[in-house]
């Protein structure tokens, strides 16, 4: 998956107006954040699918 279609945990947190720690906690406890699962890079960073995040954000905003 191309980097252009992925966002960082901070960008995801900004999109949903939450703290990054809330997203990481949900991932550790549930294995996802609002049904979105990240890709873990070799350096340990998480990258989240931008299209899934935008779709979910639009559904919540409507």
PDB file of N, CA and C in Angstrom:
ATOM      1  N   UNK A   1       0.851  -1.176   0.000  1.00  0.00           N
ATOM      2  CA  UNK A   1       0.000   0.000   0.000  1.00  0.00           C
ATOM      3  C   UNK A   1       0.892   1.233   0.000  1.00  0.00           C
ATOM      4  N   UNK A   2       0.597   2.190  -0.808  1.00  0.00           N
ATOM      5  CA  UNK A   2       1.410   3.382  -0.952  1.00  0.00           C
ATOM      6  C   UNK A   2       1.291   4.302   0.258  1.00  0.00           C
ATOM      7  N   UNK A   3       2.377   5.003   0.566  1.00  0.00           N
ATOM      8  CA  UNK A   3       2.381   5.954   1.671  1.00  0.00           C
ATOM      9  C   UNK A   3       1.356   7.065   1.473  1.00  0.00           C
ATOM     10  N   UNK A   4       1.004   7.389   0.224  1.00  0.00           N
ATOM     11  CA  UNK A   4       0.032   8.450  -0.042  1.00  0.00           C
ATOM     12  C   UNK A   4      -1.355   8.101   0.488  1.00  0.00           C
ATOM     13  N   UNK A   5      -1.604   6.833   0.706  1.00  0.00           N
ATOM     14  CA  UNK A   5      -2.915   6.395   1.155  1.00  0.00           C
ATOM     15  C   UNK A   5      -2.934   6.066   2.640  1.00  0.00           C
ATOM     16  N   UNK A   6      -1.850   6.417   3.330  1.00  0.00           N
ATOM     17  CA  UNK A   6      -1.725   6.112   4.751  1.00  0.00           C
ATOM     18  C   UNK A   6      -1.502   7.402   5.533  1.00  0.00           C
ATOM     19  N   UNK A   7      -1.977   7.425   6.786  1.00  0.00           N
ATOM     20  CA  UNK A   7      -1.757   8.579   7.651  1.00  0.00           C
ATOM     21  C   UNK A   7      -1.169   8.093   8.975  1.00  0.00           C
ATOM     22  N   UNK A   8      -0.507   8.988   9.672  1.00  0.00           N
ATOM     23  CA  UNK A   8       0.100   8.653  10.955  1.00  0.00           C
ATOM     24  C   UNK A   8      -0.958   8.618  12.050  1.00  0.00           C
ATOM     25  N   UNK A   9      -0.558   8.113  13.204  1.00  0.00           N
ATOM     26  CA  UNK A   9      -1.463   8.078  14.349  1.00  0.00           C
ATOM     27  C   UNK A   9      -1.852   9.496  14.753  1.00  0.00           C
ATOM     28  N   UNK A  10      -0.911  10.433  14.707  1.00  0.00           N
ATOM     29  CA  UNK A  10      -1.218  11.830  15.051  1.00  0.00           C
ATOM     30  C   UNK A  10      -2.239  12.423  14.083  1.00  0.00           C
ATOM     31  N   UNK A  11      -2.082  12.157  12.807  1.00  0.00           N
ATOM     32  CA  UNK A  11      -3.041  12.670  11.823  1.00  0.00           C
ATOM     33  C   UNK A  11      -4.422  12.072  12.044  1.00  0.00           C
ATOM     34  N   UNK A  12      -4.476  10.786  12.389  1.00  0.00           N
ATOM     35  CA  UNK A  12      -5.753  10.134  12.679  1.00  0.00           C
ATOM     36  C   UNK A  12      -6.378  10.748  13.927  1.00  0.00           C
ATOM     37  N   UNK A  13      -5.556  10.982  14.938  1.00  0.00           N
ATOM     38  CA  UNK A  13      -6.044  11.596  16.175  1.00  0.00           C
ATOM     39  C   UNK A  13      -6.589  13.004  15.904  1.00  0.00           C
ATOM     40  N   UNK A  14      -5.900  13.766  15.093  1.00  0.00           N
ATOM     41  CA  UNK A  14      -6.369  15.111  14.743  1.00  0.00           C
ATOM     42  C   UNK A  14      -7.692  15.046  13.985  1.00  0.00           C
ATOM     43  N   UNK A  15      -7.835  14.066  13.112  1.00  0.00           N
ATOM     44  CA  UNK A  15      -9.060  13.915  12.326  1.00  0.00           C
ATOM     45  C   UNK A  15     -10.267  13.663  13.228  1.00  0.00           C
ATOM     46  N   UNK A  16     -10.085  12.834  14.263  1.00  0.00           N
ATOM     47  CA  UNK A  16     -11.188  12.484  15.153  1.00  0.00           C
ATOM     48  C   UNK A  16     -11.200  13.291  16.450  1.00  0.00           C
ATOM     49  N   UNK A  17     -10.308  14.257  16.563  1.00  0.00           N
ATOM     50  CA  UNK A  17     -10.214  15.125  17.747  1.00  0.00           C
ATOM     51  C   UNK A  17     -10.043  14.331  19.035  1.00  0.00           C
ATOM     52  N   UNK A  18      -9.112  13.401  19.008  1.00  0.00           N
ATOM     53  CA  UNK A  18      -8.759  12.621  20.190  1.00  0.00           C
ATOM     54  C   UNK A  18      -7.241  12.643  20.341  1.00  0.00           C
ATOM     55  N   UNK A  19      -6.769  12.128  21.464  1.00  0.00           N
ATOM     56  CA  UNK A  19      -5.323  12.017  21.677  1.00  0.00           C
ATOM     57  C   UNK A  19      -4.800  10.751  20.998  1.00  0.00           C
ATOM     58  N   UNK A  20      -3.559  10.814  20.565  1.00  0.00           N
ATOM     59  CA  UNK A  20      -2.931   9.643  19.959  1.00  0.00           C
ATOM     60  C   UNK A  20      -2.876   8.473  20.923  1.00  0.00           C
ATOM     61  N   UNK A  21      -2.736   8.771  22.210  1.00  0.00           N
ATOM     62  CA  UNK A  21      -2.688   7.699  23.208  1.00  0.00           C
ATOM     63  C   UNK A  21      -4.017   6.954  23.287  1.00  0.00           C
ATOM     64  N   UNK A  22      -5.121   7.638  23.022  1.00  0.00           N
ATOM     65  CA  UNK A  22      -6.434   6.982  23.007  1.00  0.00           C
ATOM     66  C   UNK A  22      -6.517   5.974  21.867  1.00  0.00           C
ATOM     67  N   UNK A  23      -5.944   6.341  20.737  1.00  0.00           N
ATOM     68  CA  UNK A  23      -5.949   5.450  19.574  1.00  0.00           C
ATOM     69  C   UNK A  23      -5.062   4.236  19.851  1.00  0.00           C
ATOM     70  N   UNK A  24      -3.871   4.479  20.395  1.00  0.00           N
ATOM     71  CA  UNK A  24      -2.956   3.372  20.695  1.00  0.00           C
ATOM     72  C   UNK A  24      -3.539   2.448  21.773  1.00  0.00           C
ATOM     73  N   UNK A  25      -4.215   3.020  22.760  1.00  0.00           N
ATOM     74  CA  UNK A  25      -4.846   2.204  23.810  1.00  0.00           C
ATOM     75  C   UNK A  25      -5.929   1.313  23.209  1.00  0.00           C
ATOM     76  N   UNK A  26      -6.770   1.880  22.366  1.00  0.00           N
ATOM     77  CA  UNK A  26      -7.818   1.090  21.719  1.00  0.00           C
ATOM     78  C   UNK A  26      -7.211  -0.031  20.892  1.00  0.00           C
ATOM     79  N   UNK A  27      -6.133   0.262  20.203  1.00  0.00           N
ATOM     80  CA  UNK A  27      -5.467  -0.756  19.392  1.00  0.00           C
ATOM     81  C   UNK A  27      -4.948  -1.896  20.272  1.00  0.00           C
ATOM     82  N   UNK A  28      -4.359  -1.561  21.408  1.00  0.00           N
ATOM     83  CA  UNK A  28      -3.826  -2.590  22.304  1.00  0.00           C
ATOM     84  C   UNK A  28      -4.933  -3.430  22.933  1.00  0.00           C
ATOM     85  N   UNK A  29      -6.039  -2.790  23.305  1.00  0.00           N
ATOM     86  CA  UNK A  29      -7.124  -3.493  23.995  1.00  0.00           C
ATOM     87  C   UNK A  29      -8.015  -4.256  23.023  1.00  0.00           C
ATOM     88  N   UNK A  30      -8.383  -3.609  21.909  1.00  0.00           N
ATOM     89  CA  UNK A  30      -9.363  -4.181  20.989  1.00  0.00           C
ATOM     90  C   UNK A  30      -8.764  -4.721  19.684  1.00  0.00           C
ATOM     91  N   UNK A  31      -7.571  -4.262  19.346  1.00  0.00           N
ATOM     92  CA  UNK A  31      -6.955  -4.696  18.092  1.00  0.00           C
ATOM     93  C   UNK A  31      -7.316  -3.804  16.916  1.00  0.00           C
ATOM     94  N   UNK A  32      -8.020  -2.695  17.207  1.00  0.00           N
ATOM     95  CA  UNK A  32      -8.408  -1.742  16.155  1.00  0.00           C
ATOM     96  C   UNK A  32      -8.834  -0.435  16.802  1.00  0.00           C
ATOM     97  N   UNK A  33      -9.004   0.607  16.012  1.00  0.00           N
ATOM     98  CA  UNK A  33      -9.591   1.860  16.477  1.00  0.00           C
ATOM     99  C   UNK A  33     -10.798   2.131  15.594  1.00  0.00           C
ATOM    100  N   UNK A  34     -11.976   2.041  16.167  1.00  0.00           N
ATOM    101  CA  UNK A  34     -13.235   2.240  15.437  1.00  0.00           C
ATOM    102  C   UNK A  34     -13.316   1.350  14.201  1.00  0.00           C
ATOM    103  N   UNK A  35     -12.745   0.160  14.306  1.00  0.00           N
ATOM    104  CA  UNK A  35     -12.785  -0.788  13.200  1.00  0.00           C
ATOM    105  C   UNK A  35     -11.658  -0.627  12.198  1.00  0.00           C
ATOM    106  N   UNK A  36     -10.815   0.352  12.392  1.00  0.00           N
ATOM    107  CA  UNK A  36      -9.693   0.597  11.475  1.00  0.00           C
ATOM    108  C   UNK A  36      -8.450  -0.076  12.044  1.00  0.00           C
ATOM    109  N   UNK A  37      -7.786  -0.879  11.226  1.00  0.00           N
ATOM    110  CA  UNK A  37      -6.569  -1.565  11.651  1.00  0.00           C
ATOM    111  C   UNK A  37      -5.372  -0.946  10.933  1.00  0.00           C
ATOM    112  N   UNK A  38      -4.296  -0.677  11.677  1.00  0.00           N
ATOM    113  CA  UNK A  38      -3.123  -0.057  11.071  1.00  0.00           C
ATOM    114  C   UNK A  38      -2.163  -1.073  10.469  1.00  0.00           C
ATOM    115  N   UNK A  39      -1.209  -0.546   9.733  1.00  0.00           N
ATOM    116  CA  UNK A  39      -0.075  -1.327   9.245  1.00  0.00           C
ATOM    117  C   UNK A  39       1.100  -0.918  10.116  1.00  0.00           C
ATOM    118  N   UNK A  40       1.799  -1.897  10.681  1.00  0.00           N
ATOM    119  CA  UNK A  40       2.958  -1.596  11.512  1.00  0.00           C
ATOM    120  C   UNK A  40       4.205  -1.651  10.648  1.00  0.00           C
ATOM    121  N   UNK A  41       4.925  -0.545  10.585  1.00  0.00           N
ATOM    122  CA  UNK A  41       6.144  -0.463   9.790  1.00  0.00           C
ATOM    123  C   UNK A  41       7.295  -1.151  10.519  1.00  0.00           C
ATOM    124  N   UNK A  42       8.367  -1.517   9.808  1.00  0.00           N
ATOM    125  CA  UNK A  42       9.515  -2.180  10.445  1.00  0.00           C
ATOM    126  C   UNK A  42      10.121  -1.361  11.587  1.00  0.00           C
ATOM    127  N   UNK A  43       9.997  -0.038  11.538  1.00  0.00           N
ATOM    128  CA  UNK A  43      10.553   0.802  12.601  1.00  0.00           C
ATOM    129  C   UNK A  43       9.599   0.935  13.789  1.00  0.00           C
ATOM    130  N   UNK A  44       8.441   0.266  13.752  1.00  0.00           N
ATOM    131  CA  UNK A  44       7.502   0.276  14.857  1.00  0.00           C
ATOM    132  C   UNK A  44       6.376   1.290  14.750  1.00  0.00           C
ATOM    133  N   UNK A  45       6.484   2.217  13.799  1.00  0.00           N
ATOM    134  CA  UNK A  45       5.428   3.222  13.637  1.00  0.00           C
ATOM    135  C   UNK A  45       4.184   2.592  13.032  1.00  0.00           C
ATOM    136  N   UNK A  46       3.050   3.193  13.360  1.00  0.00           N
ATOM    137  CA  UNK A  46       1.774   2.731  12.824  1.00  0.00           C
ATOM    138  C   UNK A  46       1.313   3.676  11.720  1.00  0.00           C
ATOM    139  N   UNK A  47       0.826   3.110  10.641  1.00  0.00           N
ATOM    140  CA  UNK A  47       0.250   3.897   9.553  1.00  0.00           C
ATOM    141  C   UNK A  47      -1.175   3.392   9.332  1.00  0.00           C
ATOM    142  N   UNK A  48      -2.107   4.318   9.224  1.00  0.00           N
ATOM    143  CA  UNK A  48      -3.532   3.985   9.156  1.00  0.00           C
ATOM    144  C   UNK A  48      -4.063   4.260   7.760  1.00  0.00           C
ATOM    145  N   UNK A  49      -4.953   3.412   7.238  1.00  0.00           N
ATOM    146  CA  UNK A  49      -5.524   3.613   5.903  1.00  0.00           C
ATOM    147  C   UNK A  49      -6.354   4.911   5.854  1.00  0.00           C
ATOM    148  N   UNK A  50      -5.929   5.811   5.019  1.00  0.00           N
ATOM    149  CA  UNK A  50      -6.573   7.124   4.919  1.00  0.00           C
ATOM    150  C   UNK A  50      -8.008   7.016   4.404  1.00  0.00           C
ATOM    151  N   UNK A  51      -8.249   6.148   3.444  1.00  0.00           N
ATOM    152  CA  UNK A  51      -9.593   6.039   2.871  1.00  0.00           C
ATOM    153  C   UNK A  51     -10.597   5.533   3.908  1.00  0.00           C
ATOM    154  N   UNK A  52     -10.198   4.558   4.737  1.00  0.00           N
ATOM    155  CA  UNK A  52     -11.099   4.044   5.776  1.00  0.00           C
ATOM    156  C   UNK A  52     -11.379   5.111   6.826  1.00  0.00           C
ATOM    157  N   UNK A  53     -10.357   5.866   7.206  1.00  0.00           N
ATOM    158  CA  UNK A  53     -10.523   6.923   8.202  1.00  0.00           C
ATOM    159  C   UNK A  53     -11.448   8.018   7.674  1.00  0.00           C
ATOM    160  N   UNK A  54     -11.223   8.431   6.437  1.00  0.00           N
ATOM    161  CA  UNK A  54     -12.076   9.477   5.855  1.00  0.00           C
ATOM    162  C   UNK A  54     -13.524   9.015   5.719  1.00  0.00           C
ATOM    163  N   UNK A  55     -13.721   7.759   5.316  1.00  0.00           N
ATOM    164  CA  UNK A  55     -15.068   7.239   5.173  1.00  0.00           C
ATOM    165  C   UNK A  55     -15.790   7.231   6.523  1.00  0.00           C
ATOM    166  N   UNK A  56     -15.093   6.751   7.556  1.00  0.00           N
ATOM    167  CA  UNK A  56     -15.686   6.701   8.884  1.00  0.00           C
ATOM    168  C   UNK A  56     -15.954   8.112   9.417  1.00  0.00           C
ATOM    169  N   UNK A  57     -15.029   9.020   9.174  1.00  0.00           N
ATOM    170  CA  UNK A  57     -15.214  10.408   9.624  1.00  0.00           C
ATOM    171  C   UNK A  57     -16.424  11.030   8.951  1.00  0.00           C
ATOM    172  N   UNK A  58     -16.614  10.796   7.656  1.00  0.00           N
ATOM    173  CA  UNK A  58     -17.766  11.353   6.931  1.00  0.00           C
ATOM    174  C   UNK A  58     -19.057  10.744   7.430  1.00  0.00           C
ATOM    175  N   UNK A  59     -19.047   9.448   7.755  1.00  0.00           N
ATOM    176  CA  UNK A  59     -20.243   8.795   8.287  1.00  0.00           C
ATOM    177  C   UNK A  59     -20.633   9.385   9.633  1.00  0.00           C
ATOM    178  N   UNK A  60     -19.645   9.690  10.485  1.00  0.00           N
ATOM    179  CA  UNK A  60     -19.924  10.265  11.800  1.00  0.00           C
ATOM    180  C   UNK A  60     -20.373  11.710  11.703  1.00  0.00           C
ATOM    181  N   UNK A  61     -19.856  12.447  10.711  1.00  0.00           N
ATOM    182  CA  UNK A  61     -20.198  13.855  10.554  1.00  0.00           C
ATOM    183  C   UNK A  61     -21.605  14.030   9.994  1.00  0.00           C
ATOM    184  N   UNK A  62     -22.117  13.018   9.307  1.00  0.00           N
ATOM    185  CA  UNK A  62     -23.436  13.127   8.681  1.00  0.00           C
ATOM    186  C   UNK A  62     -24.561  12.968   9.667  1.00  0.00           C
TER     187      UNK A  62
END
